[in-house]
Structure formats: C-alpha cells, structure tokens
Amino acid sequence: MQLYLPVADLPVNVFLVLAMGAAVGFVSGMFGIGGGFLMTPLLIFIGITPAVAVASVASHIAASSFSGALSYWRRRAIDPALASVLLCGGVTGTALGVWTFTQLRALGQLDLMIALSYVVLLTTVGSLMFSEGLRALMRTRRGAVPPRRTHNWIHGLPLKMRFKRSKIYLSVIPVVIVGIVIGFIGAIMGIGGGFILVPIMIYLLRVPTSTVIGTSMVLTLVTMLFATLLHAVTNHLVDAVLALILMVGGVTGAQFGARAGQKIRGEQLRLLLGLLILSVGIRFAIELVIRPEDLFTIREVGVSG
C-alpha cells in the first residue's frame, strides 16, 4: 500500500514504514535509547532526504521514549532530580543544535555532515561498547570479580547535589554539560543520544544501572519533543504523515522492548547494543563509499527543498 509523503515528496510503502517504526521502537524500549541512530539511516536508505529524516524522526523518538519512560516510571526506575538537571542542559543543547542545523542547511552542507557524523560517531561508540560488553561477558563466564568502580575527578567538582533515587552525591556541572551535548547531537543527527548517554552515566557519573535507562528516556522524550517543534517552526521539514506512521509503530514496539529488556543481563545488553550500533555505522560507511553520488544527489534535493 503506497502513501505519498508531502514534505519528503515521494511515495512509500505504509506497511514497510510501520514495521520499521515498530522494530526501532522495540530496540528503543529494550536498550533504553531513542532509536534515532537506527531509524534515520533506515529512512535515508529508502530514499528520504537526510534533512527530512532527521526532523521527522525526532517525533518518533519522542513517542517511543514516552511509551518506554512510562513503563520505567511505574517501576520507580527513574530519578526525577537527575532527569531535571539533565534537562536543563538538554533543552539548551537542542536549541543550539537546531540553530546549527539551519545554518548548515543554508550552506548546502547539511546532508554531507549528517552522513559523516553517523559514520564517525556510530563506528566509534559501537566499537567501544561492543568491546566493553564482550570483556564483561567473558569476566562473568570466568566467574571473575568485576573491577571496582572508583571515583574520578568528576566527583570532586563543586556544586554537588544529592540524587536520592540513584543514591549518589554528584556535582551538577558535568550533568548539565552532558545534557547540552546530548541535546545538540540529537537535534543535528536525529538521534535521542541514549546510546551515548547511558555509558556516560554508568562509567563516568557512576549512576546505578537501575535508574540509568529510565532517566535517559526522560531526557530523550523532552529534548526530541522540543527538537520536533523547533524543526517544524524554523525549517518546515517535519513530515507529519511520516511522523504519524512512525509513532504508531514506535509506541507499540517500545512496550514489548521494555519487557524483553528486563529478561536480559546487563553485560549482554551492552554487547548487543554495541554490535547493533557498530553494524549501522559500517553500513552507512559502505553506502558513503560505494554510492557517494547518491549522497550528493540527496544533498541537492534537500537544499532546494
């Protein structure tokens, strides 16, 4: 069943897009991430311009995150105080990211920048997460005791605040900075940033795993909702029809993903997530190397549109 997308300016198979939304929603709920790192490339691969894909996927990420966050909220697995501080930086970073997005599009370099950013970010983060997850899995199988987490220089910074749900005493400075970075990257690349935020919160900020995923989803929900509104008002690139189809699939898939994630051990989740991120990065790199003419054709359409 073909449906015409007015902003993307091309017909798509409704069931294909719906299935994509459900699959990415499932991944979002399972790993506690927005899923944009997977959805945006998938839309680009089926012919939608990178600019429209980034702007429209933000709404899908928000819907999937809302569904997942609701599930974690019911289980009291969200730290409201930590989420609030993260959002202080996240909203600022999102606004800055949308402004940068607009400037790059005006210069005609937006689509190329999106493609290069995906290749670099996904292959780097995916490799690091995969190797760490593999090491953790091997330690578990050998019965080795995991290395003790010690406090680093971040925990010596001033302006500390007690986050009761997470049971940590931490400076708000690195938390706000992390929020800014995640919001900025999300607005430009159309990703929730959870696959970056979760490792940072666990390994640098020492936030317990029990509250990391749910808190991450709250940040993703608000920043992506804000990004959708800004993209719609400033760039007019949000395709409402595409966003609606993705949201329907995403909300459904996220509920099943959240349940599945509870049945998988932490090191296994990190290993699978790292492998998934690395695979998408490699796939994007192959497209960029083998068919670079498609990217530049897309870039011209995106700018003129």
C-alpha atoms as a PDB file:
ATOM      1  CA  MET A   1       0.000   0.000   0.000  1.00  0.00           C
ATOM      2  CA  GLN A   2       1.659   3.183  -1.229  1.00  0.00           C
ATOM      3  CA  LEU A   3       1.220   6.523   0.549  1.00  0.00           C
ATOM      4  CA  TYR A   4       2.525   9.886  -0.615  1.00  0.00           C
ATOM      5  CA  LEU A   5       4.600  11.885   1.867  1.00  0.00           C
ATOM      6  CA  PRO A   6       4.003  15.623   1.240  1.00  0.00           C
ATOM      7  CA  VAL A   7       7.189  17.056   2.775  1.00  0.00           C
ATOM      8  CA  ALA A   8       9.507  14.199   1.771  1.00  0.00           C
ATOM      9  CA  ASP A   9       7.897  14.421  -1.701  1.00  0.00           C
ATOM     10  CA  LEU A  10       7.858  10.692  -2.514  1.00  0.00           C
ATOM     11  CA  PRO A  11       5.546   7.650  -2.111  1.00  0.00           C
ATOM     12  CA  VAL A  12       6.395   4.953   0.454  1.00  0.00           C
ATOM     13  CA  ASN A  13       5.006   1.581   1.455  1.00  0.00           C
ATOM     14  CA  VAL A  14       2.933   2.182   4.600  1.00  0.00           C
ATOM     15  CA  PHE A  15       3.476  -1.308   5.996  1.00  0.00           C
ATOM     16  CA  LEU A  16       7.223  -1.072   5.472  1.00  0.00           C
ATOM     17  CA  VAL A  17       7.465   2.228   7.365  1.00  0.00           C
ATOM     18  CA  LEU A  18       5.117   0.934  10.080  1.00  0.00           C
ATOM     19  CA  ALA A  19       7.256  -2.176  10.520  1.00  0.00           C
ATOM     20  CA  MET A  20      10.393  -0.021  10.682  1.00  0.00           C
ATOM     21  CA  GLY A  21       8.802   2.098  13.395  1.00  0.00           C
ATOM     22  CA  ALA A  22       7.790  -0.953  15.427  1.00  0.00           C
ATOM     23  CA  ALA A  23      11.230  -2.569  15.107  1.00  0.00           C
ATOM     24  CA  VAL A  24      13.067   0.578  16.154  1.00  0.00           C
ATOM     25  CA  GLY A  25      10.554   1.124  18.963  1.00  0.00           C
ATOM     26  CA  PHE A  26      11.309  -2.390  20.209  1.00  0.00           C
ATOM     27  CA  VAL A  27      15.037  -1.619  20.209  1.00  0.00           C
ATOM     28  CA  SER A  28      14.335   1.667  21.992  1.00  0.00           C
ATOM     29  CA  GLY A  29      12.393   0.005  24.775  1.00  0.00           C
ATOM     30  CA  MET A  30      14.873  -2.849  25.190  1.00  0.00           C
ATOM     31  CA  PHE A  31      18.035  -0.747  25.411  1.00  0.00           C
ATOM     32  CA  GLY A  32      16.620   2.477  26.843  1.00  0.00           C
ATOM     33  CA  ILE A  33      17.643   4.554  23.828  1.00  0.00           C
ATOM     34  CA  GLY A  34      15.762   6.774  21.410  1.00  0.00           C
ATOM     35  CA  GLY A  35      16.442   4.602  18.373  1.00  0.00           C
ATOM     36  CA  GLY A  36      17.106   7.519  16.043  1.00  0.00           C
ATOM     37  CA  PHE A  37      20.599   6.207  15.271  1.00  0.00           C
ATOM     38  CA  LEU A  38      18.815   3.315  13.558  1.00  0.00           C
ATOM     39  CA  MET A  39      15.667   4.958  12.181  1.00  0.00           C
ATOM     40  CA  THR A  40      17.310   7.957  10.497  1.00  0.00           C
ATOM     41  CA  PRO A  41      19.701   5.811   8.394  1.00  0.00           C
ATOM     42  CA  LEU A  42      16.845   3.424   7.507  1.00  0.00           C
ATOM     43  CA  LEU A  43      14.750   6.307   6.171  1.00  0.00           C
ATOM     44  CA  ILE A  44      17.716   7.647   4.217  1.00  0.00           C
ATOM     45  CA  PHE A  45      18.299   4.185   2.742  1.00  0.00           C
ATOM     46  CA  ILE A  46      14.708   4.077   1.365  1.00  0.00           C
ATOM     47  CA  GLY A  47      15.128   7.444  -0.345  1.00  0.00           C
ATOM     48  CA  ILE A  48      14.026  10.111   2.137  1.00  0.00           C
ATOM     49  CA  THR A  49      16.344  13.130   2.277  1.00  0.00           C
ATOM     50  CA  PRO A  50      18.561  13.331   5.372  1.00  0.00           C
ATOM     51  CA  ALA A  51      17.157  16.722   6.408  1.00  0.00           C
ATOM     52  CA  VAL A  52      13.539  15.470   6.376  1.00  0.00           C
ATOM     53  CA  ALA A  53      14.553  12.181   8.009  1.00  0.00           C
ATOM     54  CA  VAL A  54      16.290  13.926  10.922  1.00  0.00           C
ATOM     55  CA  ALA A  55      13.427  16.367  11.521  1.00  0.00           C
ATOM     56  CA  SER A  56      10.664  13.768  11.241  1.00  0.00           C
ATOM     57  CA  VAL A  57      12.375  11.037  13.251  1.00  0.00           C
ATOM     58  CA  ALA A  58      12.553  13.308  16.289  1.00  0.00           C
ATOM     59  CA  SER A  59       8.800  12.890  16.798  1.00  0.00           C
ATOM     60  CA  HIS A  60       9.100   9.100  16.503  1.00  0.00           C
ATOM     61  CA  ILE A  61      11.851   9.079  19.114  1.00  0.00           C
ATOM     62  CA  ALA A  62       9.725  11.204  21.452  1.00  0.00           C
ATOM     63  CA  ALA A  63       6.750   8.850  21.096  1.00  0.00           C
ATOM     64  CA  SER A  64       8.846   5.726  21.649  1.00  0.00           C
ATOM     65  CA  SER A  65      10.575   7.304  24.638  1.00  0.00           C
ATOM     66  CA  PHE A  66       7.249   8.335  26.177  1.00  0.00           C
ATOM     67  CA  SER A  67       5.972   4.789  25.973  1.00  0.00           C
ATOM     68  CA  GLY A  68       9.169   3.356  27.424  1.00  0.00           C
ATOM     69  CA  ALA A  69       9.563   6.050  30.101  1.00  0.00           C
ATOM     70  CA  LEU A  70       6.018   5.401  31.292  1.00  0.00           C
ATOM     71  CA  SER A  71       6.879   1.757  31.801  1.00  0.00           C
ATOM     72  CA  TYR A  72      10.016   2.618  33.813  1.00  0.00           C
ATOM     73  CA  TRP A  73       8.155   5.275  35.826  1.00  0.00           C
ATOM     74  CA  ARG A  74       5.653   2.674  37.002  1.00  0.00           C
ATOM     75  CA  ARG A  75       8.554   0.578  38.283  1.00  0.00           C
ATOM     76  CA  ARG A  76      10.112   3.630  40.048  1.00  0.00           C
ATOM     77  CA  ALA A  77      13.228   3.239  37.898  1.00  0.00           C
ATOM     78  CA  ILE A  78      13.552   6.964  37.083  1.00  0.00           C
ATOM     79  CA  ASP A  79      15.456   9.562  39.125  1.00  0.00           C
ATOM     80  CA  PRO A  80      13.329  12.769  38.834  1.00  0.00           C
ATOM     81  CA  ALA A  81      16.025  15.028  40.273  1.00  0.00           C
ATOM     82  CA  LEU A  82      18.728  13.724  37.955  1.00  0.00           C
ATOM     83  CA  ALA A  83      16.391  13.957  34.968  1.00  0.00           C
ATOM     84  CA  SER A  84      15.569  17.585  35.820  1.00  0.00           C
ATOM     85  CA  VAL A  85      19.236  18.620  35.923  1.00  0.00           C
ATOM     86  CA  LEU A  86      19.940  16.781  32.666  1.00  0.00           C
ATOM     87  CA  LEU A  87      17.018  18.598  31.034  1.00  0.00           C
ATOM     88  CA  CYS A  88      18.444  21.998  31.996  1.00  0.00           C
ATOM     89  CA  GLY A  89      21.340  21.272  29.668  1.00  0.00           C
ATOM     90  CA  GLY A  90      19.363  19.173  27.202  1.00  0.00           C
ATOM     91  CA  VAL A  91      16.901  21.914  26.251  1.00  0.00           C
ATOM     92  CA  THR A  92      19.744  24.404  25.743  1.00  0.00           C
ATOM     93  CA  GLY A  93      21.728  21.958  23.627  1.00  0.00           C
ATOM     94  CA  THR A  94      18.687  21.141  21.498  1.00  0.00           C
ATOM     95  CA  ALA A  95      18.047  24.812  20.707  1.00  0.00           C
ATOM     96  CA  LEU A  96      21.704  25.277  19.761  1.00  0.00           C
ATOM     97  CA  GLY A  97      21.616  22.122  17.644  1.00  0.00           C
ATOM     98  CA  VAL A  98      18.552  23.206  15.654  1.00  0.00           C
ATOM     99  CA  TRP A  99      20.196  26.593  15.004  1.00  0.00           C
ATOM    100  CA  THR A 100      23.363  24.839  13.735  1.00  0.00           C
ATOM    101  CA  PHE A 101      21.188  22.509  11.635  1.00  0.00           C
ATOM    102  CA  THR A 102      19.568  25.532   9.970  1.00  0.00           C
ATOM    103  CA  GLN A 103      22.920  27.199   9.259  1.00  0.00           C
ATOM    104  CA  LEU A 104      24.435  24.055   7.713  1.00  0.00           C
ATOM    105  CA  ARG A 105      21.360  23.587   5.517  1.00  0.00           C
ATOM    106  CA  ALA A 106      21.645  27.159   4.297  1.00  0.00           C
ATOM    107  CA  LEU A 107      25.268  26.492   3.340  1.00  0.00           C
ATOM    108  CA  GLY A 108      24.304  23.302   1.464  1.00  0.00           C
ATOM    109  CA  GLN A 109      26.469  21.079   3.699  1.00  0.00           C
ATOM    110  CA  LEU A 110      23.830  19.576   5.984  1.00  0.00           C
ATOM    111  CA  ASP A 111      23.345  16.157   4.368  1.00  0.00           C
ATOM    112  CA  LEU A 112      27.059  15.522   3.944  1.00  0.00           C
ATOM    113  CA  MET A 113      27.643  16.485   7.571  1.00  0.00           C
ATOM    114  CA  ILE A 114      24.887  14.136   8.742  1.00  0.00           C
ATOM    115  CA  ALA A 115      26.368  11.221   6.792  1.00  0.00           C
ATOM    116  CA  LEU A 116      29.923  11.794   8.044  1.00  0.00           C
ATOM    117  CA  SER A 117      28.731  12.295  11.615  1.00  0.00           C
ATOM    118  CA  TYR A 118      26.898   8.972  11.564  1.00  0.00           C
ATOM    119  CA  VAL A 119      29.915   7.093  10.241  1.00  0.00           C
ATOM    120  CA  VAL A 120      32.330   8.538  12.809  1.00  0.00           C
ATOM    121  CA  LEU A 121      30.032   8.517  15.836  1.00  0.00           C
ATOM    122  CA  LEU A 122      28.425   5.117  15.368  1.00  0.00           C
ATOM    123  CA  THR A 123      31.571   3.185  14.494  1.00  0.00           C
ATOM    124  CA  THR A 124      33.473   4.733  17.418  1.00  0.00           C
ATOM    125  CA  VAL A 125      30.773   4.324  20.065  1.00  0.00           C
ATOM    126  CA  GLY A 126      29.736   0.917  18.723  1.00  0.00           C
ATOM    127  CA  SER A 127      33.300  -0.418  18.833  1.00  0.00           C
ATOM    128  CA  LEU A 128      33.860   0.805  22.392  1.00  0.00           C
ATOM    129  CA  MET A 129      30.551  -0.570  23.683  1.00  0.00           C
ATOM    130  CA  PHE A 130      30.975  -3.914  21.923  1.00  0.00           C
ATOM    131  CA  SER A 131      34.498  -4.445  23.272  1.00  0.00           C
ATOM    132  CA  GLU A 132      33.465  -3.461  26.811  1.00  0.00           C
ATOM    133  CA  GLY A 133      30.395  -5.701  26.707  1.00  0.00           C
ATOM    134  CA  LEU A 134      32.496  -8.600  25.416  1.00  0.00           C
ATOM    135  CA  ARG A 135      35.023  -8.155  28.221  1.00  0.00           C
ATOM    136  CA  ALA A 136      32.237  -8.014  30.817  1.00  0.00           C
ATOM    137  CA  LEU A 137      30.647 -11.169  29.398  1.00  0.00           C
ATOM    138  CA  MET A 138      33.962 -13.029  29.482  1.00  0.00           C
ATOM    139  CA  ARG A 139      34.544 -11.959  33.090  1.00  0.00           C
ATOM    140  CA  THR A 140      31.101 -13.261  34.035  1.00  0.00           C
ATOM    141  CA  ARG A 141      31.700 -16.629  32.384  1.00  0.00           C
ATOM    142  CA  ARG A 142      35.057 -16.989  34.147  1.00  0.00           C
ATOM    143  CA  GLY A 143      33.464 -16.027  37.428  1.00  0.00           C
ATOM    144  CA  ALA A 144      35.899 -13.151  37.823  1.00  0.00           C
ATOM    145  CA  VAL A 145      35.055 -10.261  40.112  1.00  0.00           C
ATOM    146  CA  PRO A 146      34.317  -7.092  38.095  1.00  0.00           C
ATOM    147  CA  PRO A 147      36.763  -4.228  38.685  1.00  0.00           C
ATOM    148  CA  ARG A 148      35.701  -1.927  41.484  1.00  0.00           C
ATOM    149  CA  ARG A 149      34.425   1.426  40.323  1.00  0.00           C
ATOM    150  CA  THR A 150      36.388   4.241  41.917  1.00  0.00           C
ATOM    151  CA  HIS A 151      35.509   7.901  41.963  1.00  0.00           C
ATOM    152  CA  ASN A 152      37.268  10.095  39.418  1.00  0.00           C
ATOM    153  CA  TRP A 153      37.988  13.822  39.182  1.00  0.00           C
ATOM    154  CA  ILE A 154      34.392  14.484  38.116  1.00  0.00           C
ATOM    155  CA  HIS A 155      33.205  13.611  41.614  1.00  0.00           C
ATOM    156  CA  GLY A 156      35.478  16.309  43.056  1.00  0.00           C
ATOM    157  CA  LEU A 157      33.748  19.171  41.242  1.00  0.00           C
ATOM    158  CA  PRO A 158      31.776  21.773  43.248  1.00  0.00           C
ATOM    159  CA  LEU A 159      28.013  22.499  43.285  1.00  0.00           C
ATOM    160  CA  LYS A 160      27.153  18.999  44.410  1.00  0.00           C
ATOM    161  CA  MET A 161      23.616  17.740  44.725  1.00  0.00           C
ATOM    162  CA  ARG A 162      22.210  14.604  46.293  1.00  0.00           C
ATOM    163  CA  PHE A 163      20.172  12.425  43.920  1.00  0.00           C
ATOM    164  CA  LYS A 164      18.194  10.279  46.328  1.00  0.00           C
ATOM    165  CA  ARG A 165      16.662   7.805  43.888  1.00  0.00           C
ATOM    166  CA  SER A 166      20.082   6.988  42.397  1.00  0.00           C
ATOM    167  CA  LYS A 167      21.780   7.241  45.812  1.00  0.00           C
ATOM    168  CA  ILE A 168      24.661   9.386  44.538  1.00  0.00           C
ATOM    169  CA  TYR A 169      26.161  12.742  45.570  1.00  0.00           C
ATOM    170  CA  LEU A 170      27.397  14.493  42.445  1.00  0.00           C
ATOM    171  CA  SER A 171      28.182  17.936  41.018  1.00  0.00           C
ATOM    172  CA  VAL A 172      25.516  19.332  38.698  1.00  0.00           C
ATOM    173  CA  ILE A 173      28.192  20.753  36.363  1.00  0.00           C
ATOM    174  CA  PRO A 174      29.042  17.524  34.454  1.00  0.00           C
ATOM    175  CA  VAL A 175      25.357  16.541  34.430  1.00  0.00           C
ATOM    176  CA  VAL A 176      24.330  19.800  32.730  1.00  0.00           C
ATOM    177  CA  ILE A 177      27.235  19.564  30.258  1.00  0.00           C
ATOM    178  CA  VAL A 178      26.235  16.015  29.341  1.00  0.00           C
ATOM    179  CA  GLY A 179      22.664  17.219  28.774  1.00  0.00           C
ATOM    180  CA  ILE A 180      23.871  20.002  26.454  1.00  0.00           C
ATOM    181  CA  VAL A 181      25.986  17.614  24.376  1.00  0.00           C
ATOM    182  CA  ILE A 182      23.207  15.036  24.046  1.00  0.00           C
ATOM    183  CA  GLY A 183      20.637  17.677  23.097  1.00  0.00           C
ATOM    184  CA  PHE A 184      22.959  19.222  20.499  1.00  0.00           C
ATOM    185  CA  ILE A 185      23.852  15.924  18.837  1.00  0.00           C
ATOM    186  CA  GLY A 186      20.235  14.793  18.865  1.00  0.00           C
ATOM    187  CA  ALA A 187      18.949  17.908  17.110  1.00  0.00           C
ATOM    188  CA  ILE A 188      21.510  17.678  14.299  1.00  0.00           C
ATOM    189  CA  MET A 189      21.583  13.921  13.737  1.00  0.00           C
ATOM    190  CA  GLY A 190      18.024  12.950  14.645  1.00  0.00           C
ATOM    191  CA  ILE A 191      19.076  10.653  17.487  1.00  0.00           C
ATOM    192  CA  GLY A 192      17.922  10.535  21.081  1.00  0.00           C
ATOM    193  CA  GLY A 193      21.502  10.087  22.233  1.00  0.00           C
ATOM    194  CA  GLY A 194      20.670   7.341  24.713  1.00  0.00           C
ATOM    195  CA  PHE A 195      23.386   5.038  23.363  1.00  0.00           C
ATOM    196  CA  ILE A 196      25.905   7.754  24.330  1.00  0.00           C
ATOM    197  CA  LEU A 197      24.178   8.957  27.489  1.00  0.00           C
ATOM    198  CA  VAL A 198      23.777   5.543  29.126  1.00  0.00           C
ATOM    199  CA  PRO A 199      27.518   4.627  29.054  1.00  0.00           C
ATOM    200  CA  ILE A 200      28.489   8.131  30.219  1.00  0.00           C
ATOM    201  CA  MET A 201      26.103   7.972  33.154  1.00  0.00           C
ATOM    202  CA  ILE A 202      27.251   4.486  34.141  1.00  0.00           C
ATOM    203  CA  TYR A 203      31.023   4.763  33.696  1.00  0.00           C
ATOM    204  CA  LEU A 204      31.747   8.467  34.291  1.00  0.00           C
ATOM    205  CA  LEU A 205      28.980   9.704  36.573  1.00  0.00           C
ATOM    206  CA  ARG A 206      28.650   6.339  38.368  1.00  0.00           C
ATOM    207  CA  VAL A 207      24.858   6.333  38.196  1.00  0.00           C
ATOM    208  CA  PRO A 208      23.388   2.934  39.167  1.00  0.00           C
ATOM    209  CA  THR A 209      22.140   0.805  36.284  1.00  0.00           C
ATOM    210  CA  SER A 210      18.731   0.527  37.964  1.00  0.00           C
ATOM    211  CA  THR A 211      17.877   4.178  37.193  1.00  0.00           C
ATOM    212  CA  VAL A 212      20.012   4.882  34.123  1.00  0.00           C
ATOM    213  CA  ILE A 213      17.700   3.654  31.360  1.00  0.00           C
ATOM    214  CA  GLY A 214      14.504   5.238  32.662  1.00  0.00           C
ATOM    215  CA  THR A 215      16.214   8.580  33.376  1.00  0.00           C
ATOM    216  CA  SER A 216      17.804   8.509  29.925  1.00  0.00           C
ATOM    217  CA  MET A 217      14.386   8.057  28.349  1.00  0.00           C
ATOM    218  CA  VAL A 218      13.015  11.132  30.113  1.00  0.00           C
ATOM    219  CA  LEU A 219      15.798  13.293  28.671  1.00  0.00           C
ATOM    220  CA  THR A 220      15.239  11.798  25.224  1.00  0.00           C
ATOM    221  CA  LEU A 221      11.492  12.391  25.419  1.00  0.00           C
ATOM    222  CA  VAL A 222      11.708  16.091  26.265  1.00  0.00           C
ATOM    223  CA  THR A 223      14.641  17.012  24.009  1.00  0.00           C
ATOM    224  CA  MET A 224      13.206  15.226  20.981  1.00  0.00           C
ATOM    225  CA  LEU A 225       9.767  16.764  21.504  1.00  0.00           C
ATOM    226  CA  PHE A 226      11.408  20.181  21.702  1.00  0.00           C
ATOM    227  CA  ALA A 227      13.513  19.434  18.611  1.00  0.00           C
ATOM    228  CA  THR A 228      10.397  18.428  16.657  1.00  0.00           C
ATOM    229  CA  LEU A 229       8.683  21.712  17.476  1.00  0.00           C
ATOM    230  CA  LEU A 230      11.761  23.770  16.570  1.00  0.00           C
ATOM    231  CA  HIS A 231      12.331  21.915  13.293  1.00  0.00           C
ATOM    232  CA  ALA A 232       8.676  22.340  12.347  1.00  0.00           C
ATOM    233  CA  VAL A 233       8.673  26.072  13.064  1.00  0.00           C
ATOM    234  CA  THR A 234      12.120  27.067  11.765  1.00  0.00           C
ATOM    235  CA  ASN A 235      12.900  24.614   8.949  1.00  0.00           C
ATOM    236  CA  HIS A 236       9.435  23.261   7.966  1.00  0.00           C
ATOM    237  CA  LEU A 237      10.954  19.808   7.420  1.00  0.00           C
ATOM    238  CA  VAL A 238       8.773  17.667   9.685  1.00  0.00           C
ATOM    239  CA  ASP A 239       6.648  15.351   7.549  1.00  0.00           C
ATOM    240  CA  ALA A 240       3.521  14.865   9.693  1.00  0.00           C
ATOM    241  CA  VAL A 241       2.330  11.831   7.722  1.00  0.00           C
ATOM    242  CA  LEU A 242       5.667  10.049   8.052  1.00  0.00           C
ATOM    243  CA  ALA A 243       5.935  11.015  11.726  1.00  0.00           C
ATOM    244  CA  LEU A 244       2.469   9.653  12.484  1.00  0.00           C
ATOM    245  CA  ILE A 245       3.172   6.266  10.892  1.00  0.00           C
ATOM    246  CA  LEU A 246       6.493   6.005  12.747  1.00  0.00           C
ATOM    247  CA  MET A 247       4.888   6.974  16.062  1.00  0.00           C
ATOM    248  CA  VAL A 248       2.174   4.322  15.792  1.00  0.00           C
ATOM    249  CA  GLY A 249       4.758   1.618  15.203  1.00  0.00           C
ATOM    250  CA  GLY A 250       7.213   3.042  17.724  1.00  0.00           C
ATOM    251  CA  VAL A 251       4.808   3.204  20.667  1.00  0.00           C
ATOM    252  CA  THR A 252       3.705  -0.378  20.087  1.00  0.00           C
ATOM    253  CA  GLY A 253       7.212  -1.757  19.722  1.00  0.00           C
ATOM    254  CA  ALA A 254       8.609   0.081  22.757  1.00  0.00           C
ATOM    255  CA  GLN A 255       6.255  -1.650  25.176  1.00  0.00           C
ATOM    256  CA  PHE A 256       7.379  -5.100  24.044  1.00  0.00           C
ATOM    257  CA  GLY A 257      11.009  -3.990  24.018  1.00  0.00           C
ATOM    258  CA  ALA A 258      10.884  -2.740  27.618  1.00  0.00           C
ATOM    259  CA  ARG A 259       9.583  -6.139  28.753  1.00  0.00           C
ATOM    260  CA  ALA A 260      12.213  -8.018  26.770  1.00  0.00           C
ATOM    261  CA  GLY A 261      14.996  -5.846  28.180  1.00  0.00           C
ATOM    262  CA  GLN A 262      14.157  -6.930  31.730  1.00  0.00           C
ATOM    263  CA  LYS A 263      14.932 -10.553  30.856  1.00  0.00           C
ATOM    264  CA  ILE A 264      18.443  -9.944  29.514  1.00  0.00           C
ATOM    265  CA  ARG A 265      21.524  -9.435  31.691  1.00  0.00           C
ATOM    266  CA  GLY A 266      23.291  -6.069  31.700  1.00  0.00           C
ATOM    267  CA  GLU A 267      26.519  -7.185  30.004  1.00  0.00           C
ATOM    268  CA  GLN A 268      24.542  -8.982  27.311  1.00  0.00           C
ATOM    269  CA  LEU A 269      22.502  -5.836  26.652  1.00  0.00           C
ATOM    270  CA  ARG A 270      25.673  -3.750  26.292  1.00  0.00           C
ATOM    271  CA  LEU A 271      27.220  -6.318  23.944  1.00  0.00           C
ATOM    272  CA  LEU A 272      24.125  -6.461  21.726  1.00  0.00           C
ATOM    273  CA  LEU A 273      23.736  -2.690  21.685  1.00  0.00           C
ATOM    274  CA  GLY A 274      27.379  -2.176  20.772  1.00  0.00           C
ATOM    275  CA  LEU A 275      27.091  -4.693  17.939  1.00  0.00           C
ATOM    276  CA  LEU A 276      23.934  -3.023  16.637  1.00  0.00           C
ATOM    277  CA  ILE A 277      25.441   0.470  16.697  1.00  0.00           C
ATOM    278  CA  LEU A 278      28.652  -0.724  15.036  1.00  0.00           C
ATOM    279  CA  SER A 279      26.673  -2.523  12.309  1.00  0.00           C
ATOM    280  CA  VAL A 280      24.682   0.590  11.435  1.00  0.00           C
ATOM    281  CA  GLY A 281      27.857   2.695  11.319  1.00  0.00           C
ATOM    282  CA  ILE A 282      29.581   0.228   8.987  1.00  0.00           C
ATOM    283  CA  ARG A 283      26.502   0.040   6.761  1.00  0.00           C
ATOM    284  CA  PHE A 284      26.417   3.825   6.499  1.00  0.00           C
ATOM    285  CA  ALA A 285      30.144   3.911   5.680  1.00  0.00           C
ATOM    286  CA  ILE A 286      29.641   1.340   2.900  1.00  0.00           C
ATOM    287  CA  GLU A 287      26.847   3.431   1.388  1.00  0.00           C
ATOM    288  CA  LEU A 288      29.041   6.518   1.555  1.00  0.00           C
ATOM    289  CA  VAL A 289      31.967   4.776  -0.165  1.00  0.00           C
ATOM    290  CA  ILE A 290      30.135   2.669  -2.745  1.00  0.00           C
ATOM    291  CA  ARG A 291      27.425   5.146  -3.748  1.00  0.00           C
ATOM    292  CA  PRO A 292      28.688   8.660  -2.946  1.00  0.00           C
ATOM    293  CA  GLU A 293      26.796  10.080  -5.956  1.00  0.00           C
ATOM    294  CA  ASP A 294      23.511   9.235  -4.200  1.00  0.00           C
ATOM    295  CA  LEU A 295      24.532  11.333  -1.219  1.00  0.00           C
ATOM    296  CA  PHE A 296      25.303  14.384  -3.308  1.00  0.00           C
ATOM    297  CA  THR A 297      22.067  13.964  -5.265  1.00  0.00           C
ATOM    298  CA  ILE A 298      20.186  13.858  -1.975  1.00  0.00           C
ATOM    299  CA  ARG A 299      22.090  16.909  -0.756  1.00  0.00           C
ATOM    300  CA  GLU A 300      20.981  18.975  -3.724  1.00  0.00           C
ATOM    301  CA  VAL A 301      17.350  17.960  -3.296  1.00  0.00           C
ATOM    302  CA  GLY A 302      17.488  18.666   0.426  1.00  0.00           C
ATOM    303  CA  VAL A 303      18.825  22.177  -0.090  1.00  0.00           C
ATOM    304  CA  SER A 304      16.465  23.135  -2.862  1.00  0.00           C
ATOM    305  CA  GLY A 305      13.530  21.699  -0.918  1.00  0.00           C
END
